Amino acid sequence: MGTPENKELLLQHELAVMEGILESKEQYRKIVKAGIAKWVKDFQDGRIEIKTVDDLKKLIEIDIELQKDEI
């Protein structure tokens, strides 16, 4: 068995890793949300046709995946 000090260090490391992951996911969501907003604007401005919605679908799917752990 590890010493209490080792267990504490391991716990601190795991928390730091989780914080890093959560921060990364937050940044990725900002990028995805900006991509969705750009797609919608381009669609509203007539630069995207309805038949090309696959990009929006992919962005939404990525956003949903990033949110799964938050539930």
PDB file of N, CA and C in Angstrom:
ATOM      1  N   MET A   1       0.835  -1.187   0.000  1.00  0.00           N
ATOM      2  CA  MET A   1       0.000   0.000   0.000  1.00  0.00           C
ATOM      3  C   MET A   1       0.878   1.249   0.000  1.00  0.00           C
ATOM      4  N   GLY A   2       0.423   2.281  -0.690  1.00  0.00           N
ATOM      5  CA  GLY A   2       1.157   3.532  -0.729  1.00  0.00           C
ATOM      6  C   GLY A   2       0.967   4.323   0.552  1.00  0.00           C
ATOM      7  N   THR A   3       1.879   5.193   0.775  1.00  0.00           N
ATOM      8  CA  THR A   3       1.772   6.046   1.954  1.00  0.00           C
ATOM      9  C   THR A   3       0.682   7.083   1.729  1.00  0.00           C
ATOM     10  N   PRO A   4       0.167   7.662   2.803  1.00  0.00           N
ATOM     11  CA  PRO A   4      -0.850   8.711   2.645  1.00  0.00           C
ATOM     12  C   PRO A   4      -0.348   9.871   1.781  1.00  0.00           C
ATOM     13  N   GLU A   5       0.965  10.171   1.885  1.00  0.00           N
ATOM     14  CA  GLU A   5       1.528  11.258   1.086  1.00  0.00           C
ATOM     15  C   GLU A   5       1.483  10.917  -0.397  1.00  0.00           C
ATOM     16  N   ASN A   6       1.806   9.664  -0.736  1.00  0.00           N
ATOM     17  CA  ASN A   6       1.776   9.226  -2.132  1.00  0.00           C
ATOM     18  C   ASN A   6       0.348   9.241  -2.683  1.00  0.00           C
ATOM     19  N   LYS A   7      -0.585   8.817  -1.850  1.00  0.00           N
ATOM     20  CA  LYS A   7      -1.984   8.816  -2.278  1.00  0.00           C
ATOM     21  C   LYS A   7      -2.472  10.234  -2.527  1.00  0.00           C
ATOM     22  N   GLU A   8      -2.045  11.149  -1.682  1.00  0.00           N
ATOM     23  CA  GLU A   8      -2.421  12.558  -1.836  1.00  0.00           C
ATOM     24  C   GLU A   8      -1.827  13.136  -3.119  1.00  0.00           C
ATOM     25  N   LEU A   9      -0.564  12.807  -3.385  1.00  0.00           N
ATOM     26  CA  LEU A   9       0.089  13.279  -4.613  1.00  0.00           C
ATOM     27  C   LEU A   9      -0.610  12.720  -5.851  1.00  0.00           C
ATOM     28  N   LEU A  10      -0.974  11.457  -5.811  1.00  0.00           N
ATOM     29  CA  LEU A  10      -1.684  10.833  -6.930  1.00  0.00           C
ATOM     30  C   LEU A  10      -3.033  11.504  -7.144  1.00  0.00           C
ATOM     31  N   LEU A  11      -3.742  11.761  -6.080  1.00  0.00           N
ATOM     32  CA  LEU A  11      -5.038  12.424  -6.171  1.00  0.00           C
ATOM     33  C   LEU A  11      -4.893  13.831  -6.753  1.00  0.00           C
ATOM     34  N   GLN A  12      -3.874  14.559  -6.301  1.00  0.00           N
ATOM     35  CA  GLN A  12      -3.632  15.901  -6.825  1.00  0.00           C
ATOM     36  C   GLN A  12      -3.310  15.861  -8.314  1.00  0.00           C
ATOM     37  N   HIS A  13      -2.529  14.862  -8.718  1.00  0.00           N
ATOM     38  CA  HIS A  13      -2.190  14.708 -10.135  1.00  0.00           C
ATOM     39  C   HIS A  13      -3.437  14.404 -10.963  1.00  0.00           C
ATOM     40  N   GLU A  14      -4.261  13.481 -10.476  1.00  0.00           N
ATOM     41  CA  GLU A  14      -5.487  13.127 -11.192  1.00  0.00           C
ATOM     42  C   GLU A  14      -6.416  14.333 -11.323  1.00  0.00           C
ATOM     43  N   LEU A  15      -6.508  15.137 -10.274  1.00  0.00           N
ATOM     44  CA  LEU A  15      -7.336  16.347 -10.333  1.00  0.00           C
ATOM     45  C   LEU A  15      -6.787  17.342 -11.346  1.00  0.00           C
ATOM     46  N   ALA A  16      -5.478  17.490 -11.395  1.00  0.00           N
ATOM     47  CA  ALA A  16      -4.854  18.404 -12.355  1.00  0.00           C
ATOM     48  C   ALA A  16      -5.107  17.934 -13.783  1.00  0.00           C
ATOM     49  N   VAL A  17      -5.029  16.642 -14.010  1.00  0.00           N
ATOM     50  CA  VAL A  17      -5.293  16.087 -15.340  1.00  0.00           C
ATOM     51  C   VAL A  17      -6.753  16.345 -15.742  1.00  0.00           C
ATOM     52  N   MET A  18      -7.673  16.091 -14.821  1.00  0.00           N
ATOM     53  CA  MET A  18      -9.096  16.311 -15.105  1.00  0.00           C
ATOM     54  C   MET A  18      -9.379  17.782 -15.385  1.00  0.00           C
ATOM     55  N   GLU A  19      -8.760  18.681 -14.630  1.00  0.00           N
ATOM     56  CA  GLU A  19      -8.936  20.113 -14.870  1.00  0.00           C
ATOM     57  C   GLU A  19      -8.445  20.479 -16.266  1.00  0.00           C
ATOM     58  N   GLY A  20      -7.324  19.911 -16.677  1.00  0.00           N
ATOM     59  CA  GLY A  20      -6.785  20.165 -18.015  1.00  0.00           C
ATOM     60  C   GLY A  20      -7.725  19.684 -19.100  1.00  0.00           C
ATOM     61  N   ILE A  21      -8.300  18.507 -18.892  1.00  0.00           N
ATOM     62  CA  ILE A  21      -9.244  17.955 -19.861  1.00  0.00           C
ATOM     63  C   ILE A  21     -10.483  18.837 -19.962  1.00  0.00           C
ATOM     64  N   LEU A  22     -11.008  19.253 -18.815  1.00  0.00           N
ATOM     65  CA  LEU A  22     -12.200  20.105 -18.812  1.00  0.00           C
ATOM     66  C   LEU A  22     -11.926  21.450 -19.479  1.00  0.00           C
ATOM     67  N   GLU A  23     -10.752  22.023 -19.244  1.00  0.00           N
ATOM     68  CA  GLU A  23     -10.394  23.286 -19.878  1.00  0.00           C
ATOM     69  C   GLU A  23     -10.291  23.115 -21.389  1.00  0.00           C
ATOM     70  N   SER A  24      -9.699  22.014 -21.834  1.00  0.00           N
ATOM     71  CA  SER A  24      -9.584  21.744 -23.268  1.00  0.00           C
ATOM     72  C   SER A  24     -10.960  21.598 -23.900  1.00  0.00           C
ATOM     73  N   LYS A  25     -11.832  20.845 -23.236  1.00  0.00           N
ATOM     74  CA  LYS A  25     -13.180  20.657 -23.775  1.00  0.00           C
ATOM     75  C   LYS A  25     -13.909  21.989 -23.880  1.00  0.00           C
ATOM     76  N   GLU A  26     -13.706  22.866 -22.903  1.00  0.00           N
ATOM     77  CA  GLU A  26     -14.337  24.182 -22.933  1.00  0.00           C
ATOM     78  C   GLU A  26     -13.838  24.979 -24.145  1.00  0.00           C
ATOM     79  N   GLN A  27     -12.547  24.910 -24.406  1.00  0.00           N
ATOM     80  CA  GLN A  27     -11.980  25.613 -25.556  1.00  0.00           C
ATOM     81  C   GLN A  27     -12.499  25.015 -26.867  1.00  0.00           C
ATOM     82  N   TYR A  28     -12.571  23.694 -26.952  1.00  0.00           N
ATOM     83  CA  TYR A  28     -13.084  23.041 -28.151  1.00  0.00           C
ATOM     84  C   TYR A  28     -14.533  23.437 -28.408  1.00  0.00           C
ATOM     85  N   ARG A  29     -15.329  23.521 -27.341  1.00  0.00           N
ATOM     86  CA  ARG A  29     -16.725  23.921 -27.496  1.00  0.00           C
ATOM     87  C   ARG A  29     -16.824  25.333 -28.038  1.00  0.00           C
ATOM     88  N   LYS A  30     -15.942  26.227 -27.594  1.00  0.00           N
ATOM     89  CA  LYS A  30     -15.946  27.594 -28.116  1.00  0.00           C
ATOM     90  C   LYS A  30     -15.667  27.589 -29.612  1.00  0.00           C
ATOM     91  N   ILE A  31     -14.719  26.764 -30.038  1.00  0.00           N
ATOM     92  CA  ILE A  31     -14.384  26.665 -31.456  1.00  0.00           C
ATOM     93  C   ILE A  31     -15.575  26.115 -32.244  1.00  0.00           C
ATOM     94  N   VAL A  32     -16.193  25.056 -31.725  1.00  0.00           N
ATOM     95  CA  VAL A  32     -17.341  24.444 -32.401  1.00  0.00           C
ATOM     96  C   VAL A  32     -18.500  25.432 -32.479  1.00  0.00           C
ATOM     97  N   LYS A  33     -18.768  26.127 -31.378  1.00  0.00           N
ATOM     98  CA  LYS A  33     -19.870  27.094 -31.374  1.00  0.00           C
ATOM     99  C   LYS A  33     -19.612  28.223 -32.372  1.00  0.00           C
ATOM    100  N   ALA A  34     -18.358  28.659 -32.485  1.00  0.00           N
ATOM    101  CA  ALA A  34     -18.020  29.686 -33.469  1.00  0.00           C
ATOM    102  C   ALA A  34     -18.222  29.150 -34.879  1.00  0.00           C
ATOM    103  N   GLY A  35     -17.873  27.890 -35.089  1.00  0.00           N
ATOM    104  CA  GLY A  35     -18.085  27.262 -36.397  1.00  0.00           C
ATOM    105  C   GLY A  35     -19.557  27.175 -36.751  1.00  0.00           C
ATOM    106  N   ILE A  36     -20.375  26.829 -35.770  1.00  0.00           N
ATOM    107  CA  ILE A  36     -21.822  26.759 -36.004  1.00  0.00           C
ATOM    108  C   ILE A  36     -22.367  28.145 -36.332  1.00  0.00           C
ATOM    109  N   ALA A  37     -21.938  29.146 -35.573  1.00  0.00           N
ATOM    110  CA  ALA A  37     -22.408  30.515 -35.823  1.00  0.00           C
ATOM    111  C   ALA A  37     -22.006  30.974 -37.223  1.00  0.00           C
ATOM    112  N   LYS A  38     -20.777  30.666 -37.646  1.00  0.00           N
ATOM    113  CA  LYS A  38     -20.305  31.041 -38.985  1.00  0.00           C
ATOM    114  C   LYS A  38     -21.117  30.336 -40.047  1.00  0.00           C
ATOM    115  N   TRP A  39     -21.394  29.050 -39.840  1.00  0.00           N
ATOM    116  CA  TRP A  39     -22.185  28.292 -40.809  1.00  0.00           C
ATOM    117  C   TRP A  39     -23.567  28.907 -40.960  1.00  0.00           C
ATOM    118  N   VAL A  40     -24.203  29.215 -39.836  1.00  0.00           N
ATOM    119  CA  VAL A  40     -25.554  29.806 -39.870  1.00  0.00           C
ATOM    120  C   VAL A  40     -25.524  31.150 -40.594  1.00  0.00           C
ATOM    121  N   LYS A  41     -24.521  31.981 -40.317  1.00  0.00           N
ATOM    122  CA  LYS A  41     -24.418  33.277 -40.988  1.00  0.00           C
ATOM    123  C   LYS A  41     -24.225  33.097 -42.493  1.00  0.00           C
ATOM    124  N   ASP A  42     -23.335  32.186 -42.873  1.00  0.00           N
ATOM    125  CA  ASP A  42     -23.117  31.925 -44.297  1.00  0.00           C
ATOM    126  C   ASP A  42     -24.393  31.421 -44.963  1.00  0.00           C
ATOM    127  N   PHE A  43     -25.143  30.581 -44.244  1.00  0.00           N
ATOM    128  CA  PHE A  43     -26.413  30.083 -44.783  1.00  0.00           C
ATOM    129  C   PHE A  43     -27.406  31.229 -44.961  1.00  0.00           C
ATOM    130  N   GLN A  44     -27.501  32.083 -43.945  1.00  0.00           N
ATOM    131  CA  GLN A  44     -28.422  33.216 -44.024  1.00  0.00           C
ATOM    132  C   GLN A  44     -28.031  34.183 -45.142  1.00  0.00           C
ATOM    133  N   ASP A  45     -26.748  34.307 -45.402  1.00  0.00           N
ATOM    134  CA  ASP A  45     -26.261  35.200 -46.456  1.00  0.00           C
ATOM    135  C   ASP A  45     -26.311  34.564 -47.843  1.00  0.00           C
ATOM    136  N   GLY A  46     -26.793  33.323 -47.922  1.00  0.00           N
ATOM    137  CA  GLY A  46     -26.956  32.654 -49.208  1.00  0.00           C
ATOM    138  C   GLY A  46     -25.680  32.016 -49.749  1.00  0.00           C
ATOM    139  N   ARG A  47     -24.645  31.908 -48.930  1.00  0.00           N
ATOM    140  CA  ARG A  47     -23.398  31.292 -49.394  1.00  0.00           C
ATOM    141  C   ARG A  47     -23.395  29.775 -49.248  1.00  0.00           C
ATOM    142  N   ILE A  48     -24.390  29.266 -48.561  1.00  0.00           N
ATOM    143  CA  ILE A  48     -24.506  27.815 -48.366  1.00  0.00           C
ATOM    144  C   ILE A  48     -25.902  27.394 -48.804  1.00  0.00           C
ATOM    145  N   GLU A  49     -25.932  26.314 -49.571  1.00  0.00           N
ATOM    146  CA  GLU A  49     -27.216  25.775 -50.002  1.00  0.00           C
ATOM    147  C   GLU A  49     -27.663  24.694 -49.026  1.00  0.00           C
ATOM    148  N   ILE A  50     -28.950  24.479 -48.990  1.00  0.00           N
ATOM    149  CA  ILE A  50     -29.543  23.499 -48.067  1.00  0.00           C
ATOM    150  C   ILE A  50     -28.935  22.115 -48.231  1.00  0.00           C
ATOM    151  N   LYS A  51     -28.488  21.756 -49.416  1.00  0.00           N
ATOM    152  CA  LYS A  51     -27.952  20.414 -49.641  1.00  0.00           C
ATOM    153  C   LYS A  51     -26.567  20.216 -49.014  1.00  0.00           C
ATOM    154  N   THR A  52     -25.993  21.251 -48.462  1.00  0.00           N
ATOM    155  CA  THR A  52     -24.661  21.128 -47.873  1.00  0.00           C
ATOM    156  C   THR A  52     -24.704  21.197 -46.344  1.00  0.00           C
ATOM    157  N   VAL A  53     -25.763  20.724 -45.746  1.00  0.00           N
ATOM    158  CA  VAL A  53     -25.907  20.811 -44.290  1.00  0.00           C
ATOM    159  C   VAL A  53     -25.035  19.816 -43.539  1.00  0.00           C
ATOM    160  N   ASP A  54     -24.305  18.973 -44.238  1.00  0.00           N
ATOM    161  CA  ASP A  54     -23.487  17.962 -43.572  1.00  0.00           C
ATOM    162  C   ASP A  54     -22.456  18.587 -42.632  1.00  0.00           C
ATOM    163  N   ASP A  55     -21.879  19.723 -43.034  1.00  0.00           N
ATOM    164  CA  ASP A  55     -20.904  20.386 -42.167  1.00  0.00           C
ATOM    165  C   ASP A  55     -21.554  20.820 -40.852  1.00  0.00           C
ATOM    166  N   LEU A  56     -22.742  21.395 -40.926  1.00  0.00           N
ATOM    167  CA  LEU A  56     -23.445  21.809 -39.711  1.00  0.00           C
ATOM    168  C   LEU A  56     -23.757  20.591 -38.847  1.00  0.00           C
ATOM    169  N   LYS A  57     -24.192  19.528 -39.463  1.00  0.00           N
ATOM    170  CA  LYS A  57     -24.505  18.305 -38.727  1.00  0.00           C
ATOM    171  C   LYS A  57     -23.270  17.808 -37.965  1.00  0.00           C
ATOM    172  N   LYS A  58     -22.118  17.825 -38.614  1.00  0.00           N
ATOM    173  CA  LYS A  58     -20.888  17.378 -37.965  1.00  0.00           C
ATOM    174  C   LYS A  58     -20.534  18.281 -36.790  1.00  0.00           C
ATOM    175  N   LEU A  59     -20.675  19.592 -36.967  1.00  0.00           N
ATOM    176  CA  LEU A  59     -20.385  20.524 -35.875  1.00  0.00           C
ATOM    177  C   LEU A  59     -21.312  20.285 -34.683  1.00  0.00           C
ATOM    178  N   ILE A  60     -22.585  20.067 -34.962  1.00  0.00           N
ATOM    179  CA  ILE A  60     -23.544  19.815 -33.883  1.00  0.00           C
ATOM    180  C   ILE A  60     -23.219  18.509 -33.170  1.00  0.00           C
ATOM    181  N   GLU A  61     -22.858  17.475 -33.937  1.00  0.00           N
ATOM    182  CA  GLU A  61     -22.502  16.189 -33.331  1.00  0.00           C
ATOM    183  C   GLU A  61     -21.276  16.328 -32.427  1.00  0.00           C
ATOM    184  N   ILE A  62     -20.290  17.104 -32.877  1.00  0.00           N
ATOM    185  CA  ILE A  62     -19.104  17.331 -32.052  1.00  0.00           C
ATOM    186  C   ILE A  62     -19.486  18.061 -30.769  1.00  0.00           C
ATOM    187  N   ASP A  63     -20.336  19.076 -30.886  1.00  0.00           N
ATOM    188  CA  ASP A  63     -20.775  19.835 -29.715  1.00  0.00           C
ATOM    189  C   ASP A  63     -21.494  18.927 -28.725  1.00  0.00           C
ATOM    190  N   ILE A  64     -22.334  18.057 -29.215  1.00  0.00           N
ATOM    191  CA  ILE A  64     -23.065  17.130 -28.344  1.00  0.00           C
ATOM    192  C   ILE A  64     -22.091  16.178 -27.653  1.00  0.00           C
ATOM    193  N   GLU A  65     -21.111  15.659 -28.395  1.00  0.00           N
ATOM    194  CA  GLU A  65     -20.116  14.764 -27.793  1.00  0.00           C
ATOM    195  C   GLU A  65     -19.362  15.474 -26.664  1.00  0.00           C
ATOM    196  N   LEU A  66     -19.003  16.719 -26.898  1.00  0.00           N
ATOM    197  CA  LEU A  66     -18.256  17.469 -25.885  1.00  0.00           C
ATOM    198  C   LEU A  66     -19.097  17.743 -24.644  1.00  0.00           C
ATOM    199  N   GLN A  67     -20.408  17.781 -24.803  1.00  0.00           N
ATOM    200  CA  GLN A  67     -21.292  18.066 -23.674  1.00  0.00           C
ATOM    201  C   GLN A  67     -21.679  16.811 -22.890  1.00  0.00           C
ATOM    202  N   LYS A  68     -21.475  15.636 -23.433  1.00  0.00           N
ATOM    203  CA  LYS A  68     -21.935  14.405 -22.797  1.00  0.00           C
ATOM    204  C   LYS A  68     -21.475  14.252 -21.359  1.00  0.00           C
ATOM    205  N   ASP A  69     -20.220  14.541 -21.094  1.00  0.00           N
ATOM    206  CA  ASP A  69     -19.695  14.373 -19.738  1.00  0.00           C
ATOM    207  C   ASP A  69     -20.224  15.398 -18.765  1.00  0.00           C
ATOM    208  N   GLU A  70     -20.829  16.470 -19.275  1.00  0.00           N
ATOM    209  CA  GLU A  70     -21.331  17.532 -18.399  1.00  0.00           C
ATOM    210  C   GLU A  70     -22.676  17.192 -17.809  1.00  0.00           C
ATOM    211  N   ILE A  71     -23.325  16.182 -18.337  1.00  0.00           N
ATOM    212  CA  ILE A  71     -24.676  15.818 -17.888  1.00  0.00           C
ATOM    213  C   ILE A  71     -24.605  14.998 -16.632  1.00  0.00           C
TER     214      ILE A  71
END
